Amino acid sequence: MTTTTKFTPEDVTNIAKLANIPIADEEKTKLAEEFTTTMGVVNQLFAVDTKGVEPTHQVTGLENVFREDIVEKDRMLSQDEALSNAPRTHNGYFVVEQVIEKES
């Protein structure tokens, strides 16, 4: 028999902080109940006996179509051509502004 983890609003607060997702106070209790329900379903799935069952990798019968990775030099840009319209470059690379934002 598997036991289900019971999530609390404090657990939801911690998870939201780790995921950097704002959660309103009125949502925490509902989300805690829903997390608990979800983990109950996951525990039921873990309890299913799958011995002797072949793994299913895909069910459609479709197969990947592969081709040789051939470099077509006549379609390639030189490094100078690729950088020619860039507003800022440095030593053969594009230069962009830092995009990292962090709320306090």
PDB file of N, CA and C in Angstrom:
ATOM      1  N   MET A   1       0.842  -1.185   0.000  1.00  0.00           N
ATOM      2  CA  MET A   1       0.000   0.000   0.000  1.00  0.00           C
ATOM      3  C   MET A   1       0.883   1.243   0.000  1.00  0.00           C
ATOM      4  N   THR A   2       0.564   2.164  -0.859  1.00  0.00           N
ATOM      5  CA  THR A   2       1.359   3.386  -0.938  1.00  0.00           C
ATOM      6  C   THR A   2       0.668   4.495  -0.160  1.00  0.00           C
ATOM      7  N   THR A   3       1.474   5.378   0.370  1.00  0.00           N
ATOM      8  CA  THR A   3       0.906   6.513   1.083  1.00  0.00           C
ATOM      9  C   THR A   3       1.013   7.752   0.201  1.00  0.00           C
ATOM     10  N   THR A   4       0.056   8.627   0.347  1.00  0.00           N
ATOM     11  CA  THR A   4       0.042   9.847  -0.437  1.00  0.00           C
ATOM     12  C   THR A   4       0.569  10.994   0.408  1.00  0.00           C
ATOM     13  N   THR A   5       1.462  11.756  -0.169  1.00  0.00           N
ATOM     14  CA  THR A   5       1.968  12.940   0.498  1.00  0.00           C
ATOM     15  C   THR A   5       0.861  13.974   0.557  1.00  0.00           C
ATOM     16  N   LYS A   6       0.653  14.561   1.715  1.00  0.00           N
ATOM     17  CA  LYS A   6      -0.345  15.612   1.856  1.00  0.00           C
ATOM     18  C   LYS A   6       0.373  16.944   1.768  1.00  0.00           C
ATOM     19  N   PHE A   7       0.033  17.725   0.754  1.00  0.00           N
ATOM     20  CA  PHE A   7       0.638  19.034   0.574  1.00  0.00           C
ATOM     21  C   PHE A   7      -0.095  20.065   1.415  1.00  0.00           C
ATOM     22  N   THR A   8       0.658  21.027   1.917  1.00  0.00           N
ATOM     23  CA  THR A   8       0.098  22.112   2.715  1.00  0.00           C
ATOM     24  C   THR A   8       0.241  23.417   1.931  1.00  0.00           C
ATOM     25  N   PRO A   9      -0.485  24.443   2.335  1.00  0.00           N
ATOM     26  CA  PRO A   9      -0.280  25.753   1.683  1.00  0.00           C
ATOM     27  C   PRO A   9       1.169  26.239   1.780  1.00  0.00           C
ATOM     28  N   GLU A  10       1.859  25.873   2.863  1.00  0.00           N
ATOM     29  CA  GLU A  10       3.258  26.257   3.004  1.00  0.00           C
ATOM     30  C   GLU A  10       4.115  25.553   1.949  1.00  0.00           C
ATOM     31  N   ASP A  11       3.775  24.278   1.644  1.00  0.00           N
ATOM     32  CA  ASP A  11       4.490  23.566   0.576  1.00  0.00           C
ATOM     33  C   ASP A  11       4.294  24.281  -0.760  1.00  0.00           C
ATOM     34  N   VAL A  12       3.071  24.711  -1.013  1.00  0.00           N
ATOM     35  CA  VAL A  12       2.772  25.426  -2.251  1.00  0.00           C
ATOM     36  C   VAL A  12       3.580  26.721  -2.311  1.00  0.00           C
ATOM     37  N   THR A  13       3.673  27.423  -1.199  1.00  0.00           N
ATOM     38  CA  THR A  13       4.468  28.659  -1.150  1.00  0.00           C
ATOM     39  C   THR A  13       5.919  28.373  -1.508  1.00  0.00           C
ATOM     40  N   ASN A  14       6.483  27.302  -0.946  1.00  0.00           N
ATOM     41  CA  ASN A  14       7.875  26.948  -1.222  1.00  0.00           C
ATOM     42  C   ASN A  14       8.074  26.556  -2.686  1.00  0.00           C
ATOM     43  N   ILE A  15       7.149  25.758  -3.230  1.00  0.00           N
ATOM     44  CA  ILE A  15       7.246  25.339  -4.633  1.00  0.00           C
ATOM     45  C   ILE A  15       7.148  26.553  -5.546  1.00  0.00           C
ATOM     46  N   ALA A  16       6.207  27.447  -5.250  1.00  0.00           N
ATOM     47  CA  ALA A  16       6.031  28.653  -6.071  1.00  0.00           C
ATOM     48  C   ALA A  16       7.283  29.530  -6.016  1.00  0.00           C
ATOM     49  N   LYS A  17       7.904  29.608  -4.846  1.00  0.00           N
ATOM     50  CA  LYS A  17       9.126  30.411  -4.716  1.00  0.00           C
ATOM     51  C   LYS A  17      10.251  29.800  -5.545  1.00  0.00           C
ATOM     52  N   LEU A  18      10.399  28.463  -5.483  1.00  0.00           N
ATOM     53  CA  LEU A  18      11.432  27.794  -6.270  1.00  0.00           C
ATOM     54  C   LEU A  18      11.203  27.962  -7.765  1.00  0.00           C
ATOM     55  N   ALA A  19       9.937  27.948  -8.182  1.00  0.00           N
ATOM     56  CA  ALA A  19       9.598  28.077  -9.602  1.00  0.00           C
ATOM     57  C   ALA A  19       9.469  29.534 -10.025  1.00  0.00           C
ATOM     58  N   ASN A  20       9.606  30.444  -9.081  1.00  0.00           N
ATOM     59  CA  ASN A  20       9.479  31.880  -9.349  1.00  0.00           C
ATOM     60  C   ASN A  20       8.121  32.201  -9.979  1.00  0.00           C
ATOM     61  N   ILE A  21       7.067  31.617  -9.380  1.00  0.00           N
ATOM     62  CA  ILE A  21       5.695  31.824  -9.853  1.00  0.00           C
ATOM     63  C   ILE A  21       4.917  32.517  -8.739  1.00  0.00           C
ATOM     64  N   PRO A  22       4.326  33.667  -9.019  1.00  0.00           N
ATOM     65  CA  PRO A  22       3.537  34.335  -7.980  1.00  0.00           C
ATOM     66  C   PRO A  22       2.222  33.573  -7.738  1.00  0.00           C
ATOM     67  N   ILE A  23       1.897  33.333  -6.474  1.00  0.00           N
ATOM     68  CA  ILE A  23       0.676  32.629  -6.091  1.00  0.00           C
ATOM     69  C   ILE A  23      -0.065  33.498  -5.081  1.00  0.00           C
ATOM     70  N   ALA A  24      -1.341  33.735  -5.341  1.00  0.00           N
ATOM     71  CA  ALA A  24      -2.161  34.490  -4.401  1.00  0.00           C
ATOM     72  C   ALA A  24      -2.486  33.609  -3.197  1.00  0.00           C
ATOM     73  N   ASP A  25      -2.659  34.232  -2.046  1.00  0.00           N
ATOM     74  CA  ASP A  25      -2.938  33.487  -0.814  1.00  0.00           C
ATOM     75  C   ASP A  25      -4.181  32.614  -0.951  1.00  0.00           C
ATOM     76  N   GLU A  26      -5.215  33.131  -1.652  1.00  0.00           N
ATOM     77  CA  GLU A  26      -6.451  32.358  -1.784  1.00  0.00           C
ATOM     78  C   GLU A  26      -6.290  31.128  -2.687  1.00  0.00           C
ATOM     79  N   GLU A  27      -5.209  31.061  -3.446  1.00  0.00           N
ATOM     80  CA  GLU A  27      -4.966  29.914  -4.323  1.00  0.00           C
ATOM     81  C   GLU A  27      -4.225  28.780  -3.620  1.00  0.00           C
ATOM     82  N   LYS A  28      -3.530  29.084  -2.554  1.00  0.00           N
ATOM     83  CA  LYS A  28      -2.623  28.120  -1.934  1.00  0.00           C
ATOM     84  C   LYS A  28      -3.323  26.877  -1.418  1.00  0.00           C
ATOM     85  N   THR A  29      -4.455  27.033  -0.745  1.00  0.00           N
ATOM     86  CA  THR A  29      -5.165  25.879  -0.195  1.00  0.00           C
ATOM     87  C   THR A  29      -5.688  24.989  -1.307  1.00  0.00           C
ATOM     88  N   LYS A  30      -6.270  25.595  -2.341  1.00  0.00           N
ATOM     89  CA  LYS A  30      -6.796  24.815  -3.462  1.00  0.00           C
ATOM     90  C   LYS A  30      -5.673  24.072  -4.177  1.00  0.00           C
ATOM     91  N   LEU A  31      -4.548  24.753  -4.418  1.00  0.00           N
ATOM     92  CA  LEU A  31      -3.425  24.103  -5.081  1.00  0.00           C
ATOM     93  C   LEU A  31      -2.851  22.971  -4.234  1.00  0.00           C
ATOM     94  N   ALA A  32      -2.808  23.150  -2.924  1.00  0.00           N
ATOM     95  CA  ALA A  32      -2.311  22.094  -2.035  1.00  0.00           C
ATOM     96  C   ALA A  32      -3.188  20.847  -2.167  1.00  0.00           C
ATOM     97  N   GLU A  33      -4.508  21.034  -2.196  1.00  0.00           N
ATOM     98  CA  GLU A  33      -5.427  19.901  -2.362  1.00  0.00           C
ATOM     99  C   GLU A  33      -5.230  19.233  -3.723  1.00  0.00           C
ATOM    100  N   GLU A  34      -5.055  20.053  -4.768  1.00  0.00           N
ATOM    101  CA  GLU A  34      -4.877  19.500  -6.111  1.00  0.00           C
ATOM    102  C   GLU A  34      -3.545  18.766  -6.242  1.00  0.00           C
ATOM    103  N   PHE A  35      -2.478  19.285  -5.624  1.00  0.00           N
ATOM    104  CA  PHE A  35      -1.196  18.580  -5.630  1.00  0.00           C
ATOM    105  C   PHE A  35      -1.333  17.234  -4.930  1.00  0.00           C
ATOM    106  N   THR A  36      -2.036  17.229  -3.812  1.00  0.00           N
ATOM    107  CA  THR A  36      -2.242  15.984  -3.068  1.00  0.00           C
ATOM    108  C   THR A  36      -2.993  14.973  -3.924  1.00  0.00           C
ATOM    109  N   THR A  37      -4.047  15.417  -4.612  1.00  0.00           N
ATOM    110  CA  THR A  37      -4.818  14.538  -5.493  1.00  0.00           C
ATOM    111  C   THR A  37      -3.936  13.990  -6.609  1.00  0.00           C
ATOM    112  N   THR A  38      -3.146  14.853  -7.225  1.00  0.00           N
ATOM    113  CA  THR A  38      -2.264  14.434  -8.317  1.00  0.00           C
ATOM    114  C   THR A  38      -1.268  13.386  -7.837  1.00  0.00           C
ATOM    115  N   MET A  39      -0.675  13.597  -6.684  1.00  0.00           N
ATOM    116  CA  MET A  39       0.279  12.618  -6.160  1.00  0.00           C
ATOM    117  C   MET A  39      -0.405  11.302  -5.809  1.00  0.00           C
ATOM    118  N   GLY A  40      -1.667  11.372  -5.418  1.00  0.00           N
ATOM    119  CA  GLY A  40      -2.425  10.135  -5.182  1.00  0.00           C
ATOM    120  C   GLY A  40      -2.569   9.321  -6.457  1.00  0.00           C
ATOM    121  N   VAL A  41      -2.851   9.986  -7.560  1.00  0.00           N
ATOM    122  CA  VAL A  41      -2.969   9.302  -8.852  1.00  0.00           C
ATOM    123  C   VAL A  41      -1.619   8.716  -9.256  1.00  0.00           C
ATOM    124  N   VAL A  42      -0.541   9.481  -9.074  1.00  0.00           N
ATOM    125  CA  VAL A  42       0.799   8.987  -9.403  1.00  0.00           C
ATOM    126  C   VAL A  42       1.111   7.745  -8.575  1.00  0.00           C
ATOM    127  N   ASN A  43       0.775   7.757  -7.308  1.00  0.00           N
ATOM    128  CA  ASN A  43       1.022   6.591  -6.454  1.00  0.00           C
ATOM    129  C   ASN A  43       0.216   5.383  -6.921  1.00  0.00           C
ATOM    130  N   GLN A  44      -1.007   5.592  -7.402  1.00  0.00           N
ATOM    131  CA  GLN A  44      -1.795   4.486  -7.952  1.00  0.00           C
ATOM    132  C   GLN A  44      -1.100   3.894  -9.175  1.00  0.00           C
ATOM    133  N   LEU A  45      -0.549   4.753 -10.012  1.00  0.00           N
ATOM    134  CA  LEU A  45       0.157   4.262 -11.198  1.00  0.00           C
ATOM    135  C   LEU A  45       1.393   3.454 -10.811  1.00  0.00           C
ATOM    136  N   PHE A  46       2.110   3.899  -9.786  1.00  0.00           N
ATOM    137  CA  PHE A  46       3.279   3.149  -9.332  1.00  0.00           C
ATOM    138  C   PHE A  46       2.882   1.776  -8.784  1.00  0.00           C
ATOM    139  N   ALA A  47       1.673   1.640  -8.275  1.00  0.00           N
ATOM    140  CA  ALA A  47       1.223   0.385  -7.684  1.00  0.00           C
ATOM    141  C   ALA A  47       0.816  -0.645  -8.737  1.00  0.00           C
ATOM    142  N   VAL A  48       0.649  -0.249  -9.993  1.00  0.00           N
ATOM    143  CA  VAL A  48       0.226  -1.174 -11.044  1.00  0.00           C
ATOM    144  C   VAL A  48       1.356  -2.151 -11.367  1.00  0.00           C
ATOM    145  N   ASP A  49       1.017  -3.434 -11.441  1.00  0.00           N
ATOM    146  CA  ASP A  49       2.003  -4.467 -11.768  1.00  0.00           C
ATOM    147  C   ASP A  49       2.244  -4.456 -13.278  1.00  0.00           C
ATOM    148  N   THR A  50       3.438  -4.077 -13.672  1.00  0.00           N
ATOM    149  CA  THR A  50       3.769  -4.001 -15.099  1.00  0.00           C
ATOM    150  C   THR A  50       4.806  -5.045 -15.510  1.00  0.00           C
ATOM    151  N   LYS A  51       5.021  -6.035 -14.655  1.00  0.00           N
ATOM    152  CA  LYS A  51       5.972  -7.095 -15.004  1.00  0.00           C
ATOM    153  C   LYS A  51       5.449  -7.827 -16.232  1.00  0.00           C
ATOM    154  N   GLY A  52       6.333  -8.074 -17.177  1.00  0.00           N
ATOM    155  CA  GLY A  52       5.960  -8.792 -18.380  1.00  0.00           C
ATOM    156  C   GLY A  52       5.310  -7.918 -19.444  1.00  0.00           C
ATOM    157  N   VAL A  53       5.185  -6.628 -19.208  1.00  0.00           N
ATOM    158  CA  VAL A  53       4.594  -5.726 -20.192  1.00  0.00           C
ATOM    159  C   VAL A  53       5.731  -5.063 -20.955  1.00  0.00           C
ATOM    160  N   GLU A  54       5.703  -5.194 -22.270  1.00  0.00           N
ATOM    161  CA  GLU A  54       6.733  -4.570 -23.096  1.00  0.00           C
ATOM    162  C   GLU A  54       6.594  -3.054 -23.040  1.00  0.00           C
ATOM    163  N   PRO A  55       7.696  -2.339 -22.929  1.00  0.00           N
ATOM    164  CA  PRO A  55       7.624  -0.874 -22.960  1.00  0.00           C
ATOM    165  C   PRO A  55       7.093  -0.395 -24.309  1.00  0.00           C
ATOM    166  N   THR A  56       6.275   0.628 -24.279  1.00  0.00           N
ATOM    167  CA  THR A  56       5.743   1.222 -25.501  1.00  0.00           C
ATOM    168  C   THR A  56       6.459   2.541 -25.719  1.00  0.00           C
ATOM    169  N   HIS A  57       7.187   2.615 -26.811  1.00  0.00           N
ATOM    170  CA  HIS A  57       7.929   3.839 -27.101  1.00  0.00           C
ATOM    171  C   HIS A  57       7.092   4.822 -27.895  1.00  0.00           C
ATOM    172  N   GLN A  58       6.227   4.304 -28.735  1.00  0.00           N
ATOM    173  CA  GLN A  58       5.289   5.137 -29.480  1.00  0.00           C
ATOM    174  C   GLN A  58       4.188   4.230 -30.008  1.00  0.00           C
ATOM    175  N   VAL A  59       3.037   4.800 -30.270  1.00  0.00           N
ATOM    176  CA  VAL A  59       1.877   3.981 -30.610  1.00  0.00           C
ATOM    177  C   VAL A  59       1.322   4.226 -32.008  1.00  0.00           C
ATOM    178  N   THR A  60       1.914   5.151 -32.765  1.00  0.00           N
ATOM    179  CA  THR A  60       1.333   5.508 -34.053  1.00  0.00           C
ATOM    180  C   THR A  60       1.845   4.662 -35.207  1.00  0.00           C
ATOM    181  N   GLY A  61       2.980   3.989 -35.012  1.00  0.00           N
ATOM    182  CA  GLY A  61       3.565   3.235 -36.110  1.00  0.00           C
ATOM    183  C   GLY A  61       4.428   4.100 -37.016  1.00  0.00           C
ATOM    184  N   LEU A  62       4.475   5.389 -36.764  1.00  0.00           N
ATOM    185  CA  LEU A  62       5.290   6.281 -37.574  1.00  0.00           C
ATOM    186  C   LEU A  62       6.761   6.091 -37.235  1.00  0.00           C
ATOM    187  N   GLU A  63       7.602   6.321 -38.216  1.00  0.00           N
ATOM    188  CA  GLU A  63       9.039   6.210 -37.997  1.00  0.00           C
ATOM    189  C   GLU A  63       9.699   7.517 -38.383  1.00  0.00           C
ATOM    190  N   ASN A  64      10.806   7.816 -37.729  1.00  0.00           N
ATOM    191  CA  ASN A  64      11.573   9.003 -38.089  1.00  0.00           C
ATOM    192  C   ASN A  64      12.203   8.803 -39.461  1.00  0.00           C
ATOM    193  N   VAL A  65      12.246   9.860 -40.217  1.00  0.00           N
ATOM    194  CA  VAL A  65      12.912   9.831 -41.513  1.00  0.00           C
ATOM    195  C   VAL A  65      14.216  10.587 -41.352  1.00  0.00           C
ATOM    196  N   PHE A  66      15.294   9.902 -41.582  1.00  0.00           N
ATOM    197  CA  PHE A  66      16.604  10.506 -41.416  1.00  0.00           C
ATOM    198  C   PHE A  66      17.229  10.763 -42.771  1.00  0.00           C
ATOM    199  N   ARG A  67      18.072  11.748 -42.831  1.00  0.00           N
ATOM    200  CA  ARG A  67      18.861  11.998 -44.027  1.00  0.00           C
ATOM    201  C   ARG A  67      20.280  12.281 -43.584  1.00  0.00           C
ATOM    202  N   GLU A  68      21.193  12.133 -44.495  1.00  0.00           N
ATOM    203  CA  GLU A  68      22.575  12.436 -44.194  1.00  0.00           C
ATOM    204  C   GLU A  68      22.702  13.933 -43.905  1.00  0.00           C
ATOM    205  N   ASP A  69      23.527  14.263 -42.971  1.00  0.00           N
ATOM    206  CA  ASP A  69      23.776  15.664 -42.638  1.00  0.00           C
ATOM    207  C   ASP A  69      24.862  16.176 -43.568  1.00  0.00           C
ATOM    208  N   ILE A  70      24.441  16.705 -44.687  1.00  0.00           N
ATOM    209  CA  ILE A  70      25.379  17.161 -45.717  1.00  0.00           C
ATOM    210  C   ILE A  70      25.456  18.681 -45.666  1.00  0.00           C
ATOM    211  N   VAL A  71      26.651  19.197 -45.546  1.00  0.00           N
ATOM    212  CA  VAL A  71      26.863  20.641 -45.527  1.00  0.00           C
ATOM    213  C   VAL A  71      26.876  21.129 -46.972  1.00  0.00           C
ATOM    214  N   GLU A  72      26.016  22.088 -47.269  1.00  0.00           N
ATOM    215  CA  GLU A  72      25.961  22.671 -48.604  1.00  0.00           C
ATOM    216  C   GLU A  72      26.688  24.013 -48.559  1.00  0.00           C
ATOM    217  N   LYS A  73      27.948  23.982 -48.879  1.00  0.00           N
ATOM    218  CA  LYS A  73      28.807  25.167 -48.748  1.00  0.00           C
ATOM    219  C   LYS A  73      28.281  26.354 -49.550  1.00  0.00           C
ATOM    220  N   ASP A  74      27.632  26.109 -50.693  1.00  0.00           N
ATOM    221  CA  ASP A  74      27.150  27.218 -51.507  1.00  0.00           C
ATOM    222  C   ASP A  74      25.969  27.939 -50.867  1.00  0.00           C
ATOM    223  N   ARG A  75      25.327  27.333 -49.855  1.00  0.00           N
ATOM    224  CA  ARG A  75      24.212  27.966 -49.153  1.00  0.00           C
ATOM    225  C   ARG A  75      24.633  28.593 -47.835  1.00  0.00           C
ATOM    226  N   MET A  76      25.896  28.431 -47.457  1.00  0.00           N
ATOM    227  CA  MET A  76      26.383  28.928 -46.172  1.00  0.00           C
ATOM    228  C   MET A  76      26.829  30.381 -46.272  1.00  0.00           C
ATOM    229  N   LEU A  77      26.646  31.111 -45.191  1.00  0.00           N
ATOM    230  CA  LEU A  77      27.202  32.463 -45.091  1.00  0.00           C
ATOM    231  C   LEU A  77      28.574  32.370 -44.441  1.00  0.00           C
ATOM    232  N   SER A  78      29.470  33.211 -44.872  1.00  0.00           N
ATOM    233  CA  SER A  78      30.745  33.315 -44.163  1.00  0.00           C
ATOM    234  C   SER A  78      30.467  34.023 -42.839  1.00  0.00           C
ATOM    235  N   GLN A  79      31.411  33.969 -41.940  1.00  0.00           N
ATOM    236  CA  GLN A  79      31.221  34.641 -40.657  1.00  0.00           C
ATOM    237  C   GLN A  79      31.037  36.141 -40.857  1.00  0.00           C
ATOM    238  N   ASP A  80      31.819  36.722 -41.768  1.00  0.00           N
ATOM    239  CA  ASP A  80      31.683  38.159 -42.042  1.00  0.00           C
ATOM    240  C   ASP A  80      30.308  38.485 -42.610  1.00  0.00           C
ATOM    241  N   GLU A  81      29.790  37.636 -43.508  1.00  0.00           N
ATOM    242  CA  GLU A  81      28.462  37.870 -44.082  1.00  0.00           C
ATOM    243  C   GLU A  81      27.375  37.758 -43.014  1.00  0.00           C
ATOM    244  N   ALA A  82      27.509  36.771 -42.142  1.00  0.00           N
ATOM    245  CA  ALA A  82      26.511  36.573 -41.084  1.00  0.00           C
ATOM    246  C   ALA A  82      26.478  37.761 -40.133  1.00  0.00           C
ATOM    247  N   LEU A  83      27.619  38.356 -39.864  1.00  0.00           N
ATOM    248  CA  LEU A  83      27.705  39.472 -38.921  1.00  0.00           C
ATOM    249  C   LEU A  83      27.533  40.836 -39.580  1.00  0.00           C
ATOM    250  N   SER A  84      27.412  40.876 -40.891  1.00  0.00           N
ATOM    251  CA  SER A  84      27.444  42.142 -41.614  1.00  0.00           C
ATOM    252  C   SER A  84      26.337  43.118 -41.221  1.00  0.00           C
ATOM    253  N   ASN A  85      25.158  42.663 -40.845  1.00  0.00           N
ATOM    254  CA  ASN A  85      24.059  43.561 -40.477  1.00  0.00           C
ATOM    255  C   ASN A  85      23.854  43.677 -38.964  1.00  0.00           C
ATOM    256  N   ALA A  86      24.732  43.061 -38.201  1.00  0.00           N
ATOM    257  CA  ALA A  86      24.587  43.104 -36.745  1.00  0.00           C
ATOM    258  C   ALA A  86      24.947  44.494 -36.241  1.00  0.00           C
ATOM    259  N   PRO A  87      24.120  45.069 -35.345  1.00  0.00           N
ATOM    260  CA  PRO A  87      24.442  46.395 -34.824  1.00  0.00           C
ATOM    261  C   PRO A  87      25.712  46.405 -33.982  1.00  0.00           C
ATOM    262  N   ARG A  88      25.998  45.287 -33.286  1.00  0.00           N
ATOM    263  CA  ARG A  88      27.200  45.227 -32.448  1.00  0.00           C
ATOM    264  C   ARG A  88      27.829  43.847 -32.572  1.00  0.00           C
ATOM    265  N   THR A  89      29.146  43.821 -32.741  1.00  0.00           N
ATOM    266  CA  THR A  89      29.896  42.564 -32.772  1.00  0.00           C
ATOM    267  C   THR A  89      31.173  42.747 -31.967  1.00  0.00           C
ATOM    268  N   HIS A  90      31.785  41.618 -31.599  1.00  0.00           N
ATOM    269  CA  HIS A  90      33.069  41.647 -30.892  1.00  0.00           C
ATOM    270  C   HIS A  90      33.793  40.334 -31.183  1.00  0.00           C
ATOM    271  N   ASN A  91      34.955  40.432 -31.768  1.00  0.00           N
ATOM    272  CA  ASN A  91      35.793  39.270 -32.071  1.00  0.00           C
ATOM    273  C   ASN A  91      35.033  38.167 -32.812  1.00  0.00           C
ATOM    274  N   GLY A  92      34.200  38.548 -33.753  1.00  0.00           N
ATOM    275  CA  GLY A  92      33.496  37.557 -34.569  1.00  0.00           C
ATOM    276  C   GLY A  92      32.210  37.026 -33.972  1.00  0.00           C
ATOM    277  N   TYR A  93      31.685  37.661 -32.932  1.00  0.00           N
ATOM    278  CA  TYR A  93      30.449  37.222 -32.288  1.00  0.00           C
ATOM    279  C   TYR A  93      29.439  38.362 -32.267  1.00  0.00           C
ATOM    280  N   PHE A  94      28.146  38.017 -32.202  1.00  0.00           N
ATOM    281  CA  PHE A  94      27.095  39.001 -31.986  1.00  0.00           C
ATOM    282  C   PHE A  94      27.185  39.482 -30.546  1.00  0.00           C
ATOM    283  N   VAL A  95      26.930  40.748 -30.310  1.00  0.00           N
ATOM    284  CA  VAL A  95      26.884  41.292 -28.953  1.00  0.00           C
ATOM    285  C   VAL A  95      25.449  41.726 -28.693  1.00  0.00           C
ATOM    286  N   VAL A  96      24.872  41.232 -27.596  1.00  0.00           N
ATOM    287  CA  VAL A  96      23.509  41.597 -27.221  1.00  0.00           C
ATOM    288  C   VAL A  96      23.498  42.037 -25.769  1.00  0.00           C
ATOM    289  N   GLU A  97      22.471  42.787 -25.401  1.00  0.00           N
ATOM    290  CA  GLU A  97      22.333  43.215 -24.011  1.00  0.00           C
ATOM    291  C   GLU A  97      21.940  42.024 -23.143  1.00  0.00           C
ATOM    292  N   GLN A  98      22.320  42.068 -21.888  1.00  0.00           N
ATOM    293  CA  GLN A  98      21.939  41.032 -20.937  1.00  0.00           C
ATOM    294  C   GLN A  98      20.427  41.049 -20.767  1.00  0.00           C
ATOM    295  N   VAL A  99      19.794  39.855 -20.730  1.00  0.00           N
ATOM    296  CA  VAL A  99      18.332  39.761 -20.696  1.00  0.00           C
ATOM    297  C   VAL A  99      17.841  39.198 -19.371  1.00  0.00           C
ATOM    298  N   ILE A 100      18.687  38.984 -18.413  1.00  0.00           N
ATOM    299  CA  ILE A 100      18.296  38.374 -17.138  1.00  0.00           C
ATOM    300  C   ILE A 100      17.611  39.407 -16.269  1.00  0.00           C
ATOM    301  N   GLU A 101      16.398  39.066 -15.802  1.00  0.00           N
ATOM    302  CA  GLU A 101      15.672  39.929 -14.883  1.00  0.00           C
ATOM    303  C   GLU A 101      15.370  39.144 -13.628  1.00  0.00           C
ATOM    304  N   LYS A 102      15.453  39.770 -12.505  1.00  0.00           N
ATOM    305  CA  LYS A 102      15.144  39.088 -11.243  1.00  0.00           C
ATOM    306  C   LYS A 102      14.340  40.034 -10.372  1.00  0.00           C
ATOM    307  N   GLU A 103      13.190  39.549  -9.940  1.00  0.00           N
ATOM    308  CA  GLU A 103      12.364  40.360  -9.023  1.00  0.00           C
ATOM    309  C   GLU A 103      12.862  40.131  -7.612  1.00  0.00           C
ATOM    310  N   SER A 104      12.795  41.142  -6.806  1.00  0.00           N
ATOM    311  CA  SER A 104      13.259  41.000  -5.429  1.00  0.00           C
ATOM    312  C   SER A 104      12.116  40.722  -4.500  1.00  0.00           C
TER     313      SER A 104
END
